[in-house]
Amino acid sequence: MTYALPADAALLRPVRIGYADARNRLFMAPLTRSRAQDDGTPSDLAVQYYTQRAAAGLIISEATAVSASANGAYLNTPGMYTDRHEAKWAEIAESVHEVDGLMFVQLWHVGRMGHPDISGVHPVAPSAIAADLTTHTPSGKQALPVPRALETDEIATIVDDFRAAARRAVDAGMDGVEIHGANGYLLHEFLSDVVNQRTDRYGGSPENRARLAAEIVEAVAAEIGADRVGLRISPGNGAGDMHEVDDVAAYEALLSRIAPLDIAYLHVLIDPDVPAFGTLRGLWSGPLVLNTGREVDTRFCQLEELAEWGVISAAAVGRAFLANPDLIDRLILGAELNEPDVATFYAPGPVGYVDYPTLAEAELKNA
């Protein structure tokens, strides 16, 4: 596939994101790559991987656990809750900044998507409802267990875990954090009117189902500054065996509560053609980052139109950045894009991670 952005493309213009200026409006979406060390410390290869892609307006890191118990959806995913984690993220931040990149760390809690054979603890969720899915564990593919419903007095600890992880991220030199409230993980589970069957102040009404995500955004903003905080949501998204009868109400309550904070951006994973996108866009006056969820054949033409019209502030692109570290250059030149190798998305080692060639490297090889 090829697509040429015009020289004056809206996607190539700078945009203000919180306290920082992104050099363009094509952001690197968060992508789980399963290359972290067994203790959750990013590998040495991660430094190279992210630095290669620093021409993105903003790099949003792979999902990163806020505690040991927040992990467990995939093997070898990173964390941000030990000194060793923080030190390696600091190396990544320094390397990305050396080439004028901008980077946020995405923070998550996997909720019911975790497996005890990966995390060492039984997964928790708003309610004891299992996702009808399997995951790869050290002993092979296994069904996800029925999670334990969180006690009300446990929730404050989860809020504090996000706050503490955000502090570590900024202390490591990262430009900010993105709170993961999407894709079937814990915060998305609380937002759901199907998966969340609680009767306390964190369940029932849209305002109550939005409470945990809002409290985390508020706590993190108070800790590191709202202008360093992004939030990702995915209304109506079925990832993680998620179900929502009403895919708008809890999100309306969430955005209404956090709007006064003036966070850096809202990142929405959604088809821009569905009615829910228009509803939520009308509620949000701050910077909005769109991720359509499409694969490498992302409709750059559509994204360009939405950026030009002012509907979106930026677009988050995943697989195209995964396979093309020099994606911006390729789009400017209208050059052919590398195809992503699905077989190596979650495999260990450098293959399919740091060995996708840039245009210059491909030309040198073919010379």
Protein backbone atom coordinates (compact mmCIF):
# COMPACT_ATOMS: atom_id res chain seq x y z
CA MET A 1 0.00 0.00 0.00
CA THR A 2 1.11 3.54 -0.70
CA TYR A 3 -0.36 6.87 0.28
CA ALA A 4 1.21 10.29 -0.23
CA LEU A 5 0.45 13.09 2.19
CA PRO A 6 0.58 16.54 0.60
CA ALA A 7 3.26 18.88 1.90
CA ASP A 8 0.66 21.01 3.67
CA ALA A 9 -1.25 18.04 5.13
CA ALA A 10 -3.04 18.68 8.40
CA LEU A 11 -1.58 15.44 9.79
CA LEU A 12 1.92 16.87 9.32
CA ARG A 13 1.25 20.08 11.24
CA PRO A 14 2.34 20.50 14.86
CA VAL A 15 -0.28 20.22 17.58
CA ARG A 16 -0.32 21.22 21.22
CA ILE A 17 -0.80 18.23 23.54
CA GLY A 18 -0.97 19.33 27.15
CA TYR A 19 2.24 21.15 27.98
CA ALA A 20 4.12 19.93 24.90
CA ASP A 21 4.11 20.52 21.16
CA ALA A 22 3.93 17.37 19.05
CA ARG A 23 5.83 17.75 15.77
CA ASN A 24 2.99 16.16 13.78
CA ARG A 25 -0.46 14.65 14.29
CA LEU A 26 0.37 11.02 13.52
CA PHE A 27 0.86 9.34 16.87
CA MET A 28 2.20 5.84 17.48
CA ALA A 29 -0.58 3.82 19.09
CA PRO A 30 0.15 1.55 22.08
CA LEU A 31 1.13 -1.94 20.91
CA THR A 32 1.74 -4.95 23.16
CA ARG A 33 4.91 -6.67 21.90
CA SER A 34 5.71 -9.19 24.70
CA ARG A 35 9.44 -8.45 24.70
CA ALA A 36 9.88 -7.41 28.34
CA GLN A 37 12.03 -9.39 30.72
CA ASP A 38 10.41 -11.90 33.07
CA ASP A 39 10.24 -9.36 35.90
CA GLY A 40 8.48 -6.76 33.73
CA THR A 41 11.58 -4.68 32.98
CA PRO A 42 11.69 -3.50 29.35
CA SER A 43 14.44 -5.15 27.34
CA ASP A 44 17.47 -3.43 25.86
CA LEU A 45 15.79 -3.86 22.47
CA ALA A 46 12.90 -1.65 23.63
CA VAL A 47 15.26 1.32 23.71
CA GLN A 48 16.06 0.78 20.05
CA TYR A 49 12.46 -0.01 19.10
CA TYR A 50 10.99 3.20 20.45
CA THR A 51 13.86 5.40 19.34
CA GLN A 52 13.48 4.14 15.77
CA ARG A 53 9.92 5.47 15.78
CA ALA A 54 10.53 8.82 17.45
CA ALA A 55 9.45 10.77 14.35
CA ALA A 56 5.87 10.09 15.43
CA GLY A 57 4.20 13.18 16.84
CA LEU A 58 3.80 11.25 20.09
CA ILE A 59 4.83 7.72 20.99
CA ILE A 60 2.32 6.04 23.29
CA SER A 61 4.07 3.06 24.83
CA GLU A 62 2.83 -0.47 25.05
CA ALA A 63 0.46 -1.09 27.95
CA THR A 64 2.45 -1.09 31.19
CA ALA A 65 1.25 -2.58 34.48
CA VAL A 66 0.85 -0.36 37.53
CA SER A 67 1.47 -3.26 39.94
CA ALA A 68 2.37 -6.95 39.89
CA SER A 69 -1.29 -7.86 40.35
CA ALA A 70 -2.30 -5.56 37.49
CA ASN A 71 -0.43 -7.73 35.00
CA GLY A 72 -1.21 -11.17 33.58
CA ALA A 73 -2.99 -10.79 30.25
CA TYR A 74 0.10 -11.61 28.18
CA LEU A 75 3.53 -13.03 28.80
CA ASN A 76 6.48 -10.63 29.10
CA THR A 77 4.65 -7.32 29.29
CA PRO A 78 6.33 -4.41 31.09
CA GLY A 79 5.64 -2.79 34.42
CA MET A 80 6.17 0.56 36.12
CA TYR A 81 6.20 -0.36 39.79
CA THR A 82 9.84 -1.14 40.70
CA ASP A 83 13.07 0.82 40.67
CA ARG A 84 14.41 -1.52 37.99
CA HIS A 85 11.41 -0.82 35.75
CA GLU A 86 11.82 2.91 36.22
CA ALA A 87 15.53 2.82 35.41
CA LYS A 88 14.99 1.07 32.08
CA TRP A 89 12.12 3.38 31.13
CA ALA A 90 14.50 6.25 31.91
CA GLU A 91 16.93 4.86 29.31
CA ILE A 92 14.11 4.74 26.78
CA ALA A 93 13.01 8.29 27.57
CA GLU A 94 16.54 9.63 27.25
CA SER A 95 17.11 7.89 23.92
CA VAL A 96 13.78 9.07 22.46
CA HIS A 97 14.43 12.63 23.61
CA GLU A 98 17.92 12.62 22.06
CA VAL A 99 16.22 12.48 18.65
CA ASP A 100 13.57 15.06 19.65
CA GLY A 101 10.82 12.52 20.26
CA LEU A 102 7.86 12.87 22.61
CA MET A 103 6.65 9.87 24.62
CA PHE A 104 3.88 8.95 27.06
CA VAL A 105 3.70 5.62 28.92
CA GLN A 106 0.35 3.86 28.79
CA LEU A 107 -0.64 2.54 32.23
CA TRP A 108 -3.03 -0.37 32.69
CA HIS A 109 -4.61 -2.88 34.99
CA VAL A 110 -5.74 -5.96 33.07
CA GLY A 111 -8.64 -6.83 35.38
CA ARG A 112 -10.44 -10.05 34.45
CA MET A 113 -8.15 -10.50 31.42
CA GLY A 114 -5.36 -11.71 33.71
CA HIS A 115 -4.36 -15.30 34.41
CA PRO A 116 -2.75 -16.41 37.69
CA ASP A 117 -0.16 -18.51 35.86
CA ILE A 118 1.21 -15.27 34.41
CA SER A 119 0.74 -12.78 37.25
CA GLY A 120 0.93 -15.09 40.24
CA VAL A 121 -2.34 -13.75 41.65
CA HIS A 122 -6.01 -14.41 40.93
CA PRO A 123 -7.52 -11.77 38.62
CA VAL A 124 -9.95 -9.17 39.91
CA ALA A 125 -12.80 -7.34 38.23
CA PRO A 126 -15.85 -5.26 39.08
CA SER A 127 -17.92 -8.47 39.22
CA ALA A 128 -17.26 -12.20 39.18
CA ILE A 129 -17.94 -12.60 35.46
CA ALA A 130 -15.32 -14.32 33.33
CA ALA A 131 -14.32 -13.32 29.82
CA ASP A 132 -15.02 -16.22 27.48
CA LEU A 133 -11.47 -16.23 26.16
CA THR A 134 -8.18 -18.06 26.40
CA THR A 135 -4.67 -16.72 26.88
CA HIS A 136 -1.15 -18.05 26.43
CA THR A 137 0.45 -19.01 29.73
CA PRO A 138 3.84 -20.59 30.48
CA SER A 139 2.16 -24.00 30.30
CA GLY A 140 0.18 -23.31 27.12
CA LYS A 141 -3.18 -21.88 26.17
CA GLN A 142 -5.71 -21.77 29.01
CA ALA A 143 -9.17 -20.37 29.59
CA LEU A 144 -9.42 -17.20 31.62
CA PRO A 145 -10.76 -17.93 35.11
CA VAL A 146 -13.74 -16.36 36.83
CA PRO A 147 -12.31 -13.22 38.46
CA ARG A 148 -12.80 -12.19 42.04
CA ALA A 149 -15.04 -9.16 42.50
CA LEU A 150 -13.13 -6.32 44.10
CA GLU A 151 -14.21 -5.25 47.57
CA THR A 152 -15.13 -1.58 47.75
CA ASP A 153 -12.29 -0.79 50.17
CA GLU A 154 -9.73 -2.36 47.76
CA ILE A 155 -10.40 0.14 45.00
CA ALA A 156 -8.48 2.99 46.64
CA THR A 157 -5.32 0.86 46.39
CA ILE A 158 -5.78 0.51 42.63
CA VAL A 159 -6.21 4.27 42.29
CA ASP A 160 -3.00 4.76 44.25
CA ASP A 161 -1.17 2.21 42.09
CA PHE A 162 -1.95 4.31 39.00
CA ARG A 163 -0.86 7.47 40.79
CA ALA A 164 2.42 5.91 41.92
CA ALA A 165 3.17 4.46 38.48
CA ALA A 166 2.54 7.86 36.88
CA ARG A 167 4.98 9.45 39.30
CA ARG A 168 7.59 6.86 38.36
CA ALA A 169 7.01 7.48 34.66
CA VAL A 170 7.57 11.22 34.95
CA ASP A 171 10.51 10.74 37.30
CA ALA A 172 11.98 8.47 34.61
CA GLY A 173 11.83 11.38 32.17
CA MET A 174 8.70 10.44 30.26
CA ASP A 175 6.62 13.33 28.98
CA GLY A 176 3.42 11.97 30.48
CA VAL A 177 1.15 8.96 30.81
CA GLU A 178 -1.93 7.59 29.13
CA ILE A 179 -4.47 5.85 31.36
CA HIS A 180 -5.82 2.73 29.66
CA GLY A 181 -9.60 2.69 30.02
CA ALA A 182 -10.28 0.62 26.91
CA ASN A 183 -10.11 -2.79 25.21
CA GLY A 184 -11.79 -4.91 27.88
CA TYR A 185 -9.36 -4.24 30.72
CA LEU A 186 -10.24 -3.18 34.27
CA LEU A 187 -11.43 0.38 33.72
CA HIS A 188 -13.44 -0.61 30.66
CA GLU A 189 -14.99 -3.43 32.71
CA PHE A 190 -16.16 -0.92 35.32
CA LEU A 191 -17.63 1.33 32.63
CA SER A 192 -19.71 -1.52 31.17
CA ASP A 193 -23.37 -1.85 32.08
CA VAL A 194 -23.11 -5.63 31.52
CA VAL A 195 -19.76 -6.73 32.97
CA ASN A 196 -20.16 -4.38 35.96
CA GLN A 197 -23.02 -5.68 38.13
CA ARG A 198 -21.97 -3.97 41.35
CA THR A 199 -24.45 -2.44 43.79
CA ASP A 200 -22.02 -0.15 45.63
CA ARG A 201 -20.92 3.34 44.58
CA TYR A 202 -18.88 1.87 41.70
CA GLY A 203 -21.81 0.20 39.95
CA GLY A 204 -25.31 0.81 38.72
CA SER A 205 -25.72 4.34 37.39
CA PRO A 206 -23.53 5.73 34.59
CA GLU A 207 -21.93 8.10 37.10
CA ASN A 208 -21.06 5.22 39.42
CA ARG A 209 -19.66 3.05 36.63
CA ALA A 210 -17.50 5.97 35.53
CA ARG A 211 -16.28 6.64 39.06
CA LEU A 212 -13.14 4.46 39.07
CA ALA A 213 -11.79 5.81 35.78
CA ALA A 214 -12.55 9.37 36.90
CA GLU A 215 -10.87 8.90 40.29
CA ILE A 216 -7.76 7.54 38.61
CA VAL A 217 -7.59 10.44 36.14
CA GLU A 218 -8.05 12.90 39.01
CA ALA A 219 -5.39 11.24 41.19
CA VAL A 220 -2.85 11.04 38.38
CA ALA A 221 -3.52 14.63 37.33
CA ALA A 222 -3.01 15.80 40.91
CA GLU A 223 0.27 13.86 41.08
CA ILE A 224 1.98 14.82 37.80
CA GLY A 225 -0.15 17.64 36.36
CA ALA A 226 -3.22 17.31 34.16
CA ASP A 227 -1.25 18.54 31.14
CA ARG A 228 0.78 15.31 31.25
CA VAL A 229 -2.23 12.97 31.33
CA GLY A 230 -4.07 11.27 28.49
CA LEU A 231 -7.00 8.86 28.71
CA ARG A 232 -7.91 6.08 26.29
CA ILE A 233 -11.47 4.80 25.97
CA SER A 234 -13.20 2.45 23.52
CA PRO A 235 -16.99 2.83 23.75
CA GLY A 236 -18.81 -0.18 22.34
CA ASN A 237 -15.61 -2.08 21.61
CA GLY A 238 -15.99 -5.84 21.97
CA ALA A 239 -12.32 -6.60 22.69
CA GLY A 240 -11.89 -8.77 25.76
CA ASP A 241 -15.36 -10.29 25.37
CA MET A 242 -16.81 -6.95 26.42
CA HIS A 243 -20.49 -6.09 26.28
CA GLU A 244 -22.25 -2.75 26.68
CA VAL A 245 -25.95 -2.26 26.07
CA ASP A 246 -25.58 1.51 26.37
CA ASP A 247 -22.20 2.46 24.90
CA VAL A 248 -22.51 6.18 25.62
CA ALA A 249 -24.01 6.97 29.03
CA ALA A 250 -21.07 6.03 31.29
CA TYR A 251 -18.68 7.80 28.92
CA GLU A 252 -20.80 10.93 28.98
CA ALA A 253 -20.61 10.84 32.78
CA LEU A 254 -16.86 10.25 32.71
CA LEU A 255 -16.10 13.07 30.28
CA SER A 256 -18.38 15.46 32.14
CA ARG A 257 -16.56 14.77 35.42
CA ILE A 258 -13.00 15.06 34.10
CA ALA A 259 -13.56 17.94 31.65
CA PRO A 260 -12.64 20.64 34.21
CA LEU A 261 -9.19 19.05 34.65
CA ASP A 262 -8.15 20.00 31.10
CA ILE A 263 -6.06 16.88 30.55
CA ALA A 264 -3.60 16.62 27.66
CA TYR A 265 -5.87 14.58 25.40
CA LEU A 266 -8.64 12.04 25.06
CA HIS A 267 -7.72 8.99 22.95
CA VAL A 268 -10.78 7.23 21.50
CA LEU A 269 -10.65 3.82 19.84
CA ILE A 270 -13.78 3.86 17.69
CA ASP A 271 -15.13 3.79 14.15
CA PRO A 272 -15.64 7.49 13.35
CA ASP A 273 -18.73 6.59 11.32
CA VAL A 274 -20.76 5.30 14.29
CA PRO A 275 -23.18 7.65 16.12
CA ALA A 276 -21.37 7.25 19.45
CA PHE A 277 -18.31 9.01 18.04
CA GLY A 278 -20.32 12.09 17.13
CA THR A 279 -21.96 12.14 20.55
CA LEU A 280 -18.69 11.91 22.44
CA ARG A 281 -16.90 14.34 20.14
CA GLY A 282 -19.56 16.91 20.91
CA LEU A 283 -18.91 16.49 24.62
CA TRP A 284 -15.14 16.93 24.46
CA SER A 285 -13.61 20.34 23.82
CA GLY A 286 -9.99 19.36 24.42
CA PRO A 287 -7.52 17.60 22.10
CA LEU A 288 -8.96 14.37 20.71
CA VAL A 289 -6.84 11.53 19.33
CA LEU A 290 -8.65 9.02 17.11
CA ASN A 291 -7.69 5.39 16.67
CA THR A 292 -9.95 3.68 14.14
CA GLY A 293 -8.66 0.22 15.12
CA ARG A 294 -8.04 -0.70 11.51
CA GLU A 295 -4.96 -2.62 10.48
CA VAL A 296 -2.04 -1.47 8.35
CA ASP A 297 -4.34 -0.31 5.55
CA THR A 298 -5.41 2.59 7.75
CA ARG A 299 -7.38 5.08 5.70
CA PHE A 300 -4.90 7.92 5.82
CA CYS A 301 -7.15 9.83 3.42
CA GLN A 302 -10.01 9.71 5.92
CA LEU A 303 -7.74 10.62 8.81
CA GLU A 304 -6.39 13.56 6.85
CA GLU A 305 -9.91 14.82 6.15
CA LEU A 306 -10.90 14.54 9.82
CA ALA A 307 -7.76 16.41 10.87
CA GLU A 308 -8.25 19.08 8.22
CA TRP A 309 -11.87 19.61 9.29
CA GLY A 310 -10.85 19.90 12.94
CA VAL A 311 -12.85 16.83 13.97
CA ILE A 312 -9.72 15.23 15.43
CA SER A 313 -6.52 16.73 16.80
CA ALA A 314 -4.39 13.70 15.90
CA ALA A 315 -4.61 10.09 14.77
CA ALA A 316 -3.04 7.12 16.55
CA VAL A 317 -1.69 4.50 14.15
CA GLY A 318 -0.53 1.06 15.27
CA ARG A 319 0.56 -1.56 12.78
CA ALA A 320 1.75 0.97 10.21
CA PHE A 321 4.25 2.33 12.78
CA LEU A 322 5.12 -1.18 13.92
CA ALA A 323 6.28 -2.14 10.42
CA ASN A 324 7.55 1.28 9.31
CA PRO A 325 9.86 3.06 11.75
CA ASP A 326 10.12 5.84 9.16
CA LEU A 327 6.37 5.99 8.49
CA ILE A 328 6.31 9.79 8.31
CA ASP A 329 9.02 9.88 5.62
CA ARG A 330 7.26 7.17 3.61
CA LEU A 331 3.96 9.06 3.69
CA ILE A 332 5.61 12.32 2.63
CA LEU A 333 7.32 10.56 -0.29
CA GLY A 334 4.40 8.32 -1.17
CA ALA A 335 6.68 5.30 -0.77
CA GLU A 336 5.56 1.70 -0.38
CA LEU A 337 4.91 0.66 3.21
CA ASN A 338 6.45 -2.42 4.78
CA GLU A 339 3.88 -5.11 5.56
CA PRO A 340 3.70 -6.12 9.23
CA ASP A 341 4.66 -9.69 10.05
CA VAL A 342 1.84 -10.97 12.25
CA ALA A 343 3.81 -14.09 13.21
CA THR A 344 6.40 -11.98 15.06
CA PHE A 345 4.06 -9.56 16.86
CA TYR A 346 4.53 -11.31 20.22
CA ALA A 347 7.63 -13.41 19.56
CA PRO A 348 10.83 -12.82 21.56
CA GLY A 349 13.93 -11.25 20.08
CA PRO A 350 14.71 -8.64 17.45
CA VAL A 351 12.98 -10.22 14.44
CA GLY A 352 9.81 -8.34 13.63
CA TYR A 353 10.67 -5.81 16.34
CA VAL A 354 13.70 -3.71 15.46
CA ASP A 355 14.61 -5.10 12.03
CA TYR A 356 11.95 -3.50 9.81
CA PRO A 357 14.01 -1.52 7.28
CA THR A 358 13.76 2.19 6.68
CA LEU A 359 13.75 3.44 3.10
CA ALA A 360 17.43 4.33 3.36
CA GLU A 361 18.32 0.89 4.68
CA ALA A 362 16.29 -0.83 1.97
CA GLU A 363 17.97 1.23 -0.74
CA LEU A 364 21.42 0.46 0.66
CA LYS A 365 20.61 -3.24 0.76
CA ASN A 366 19.39 -3.21 -2.85
CA ALA A 367 22.27 -1.10 -4.17
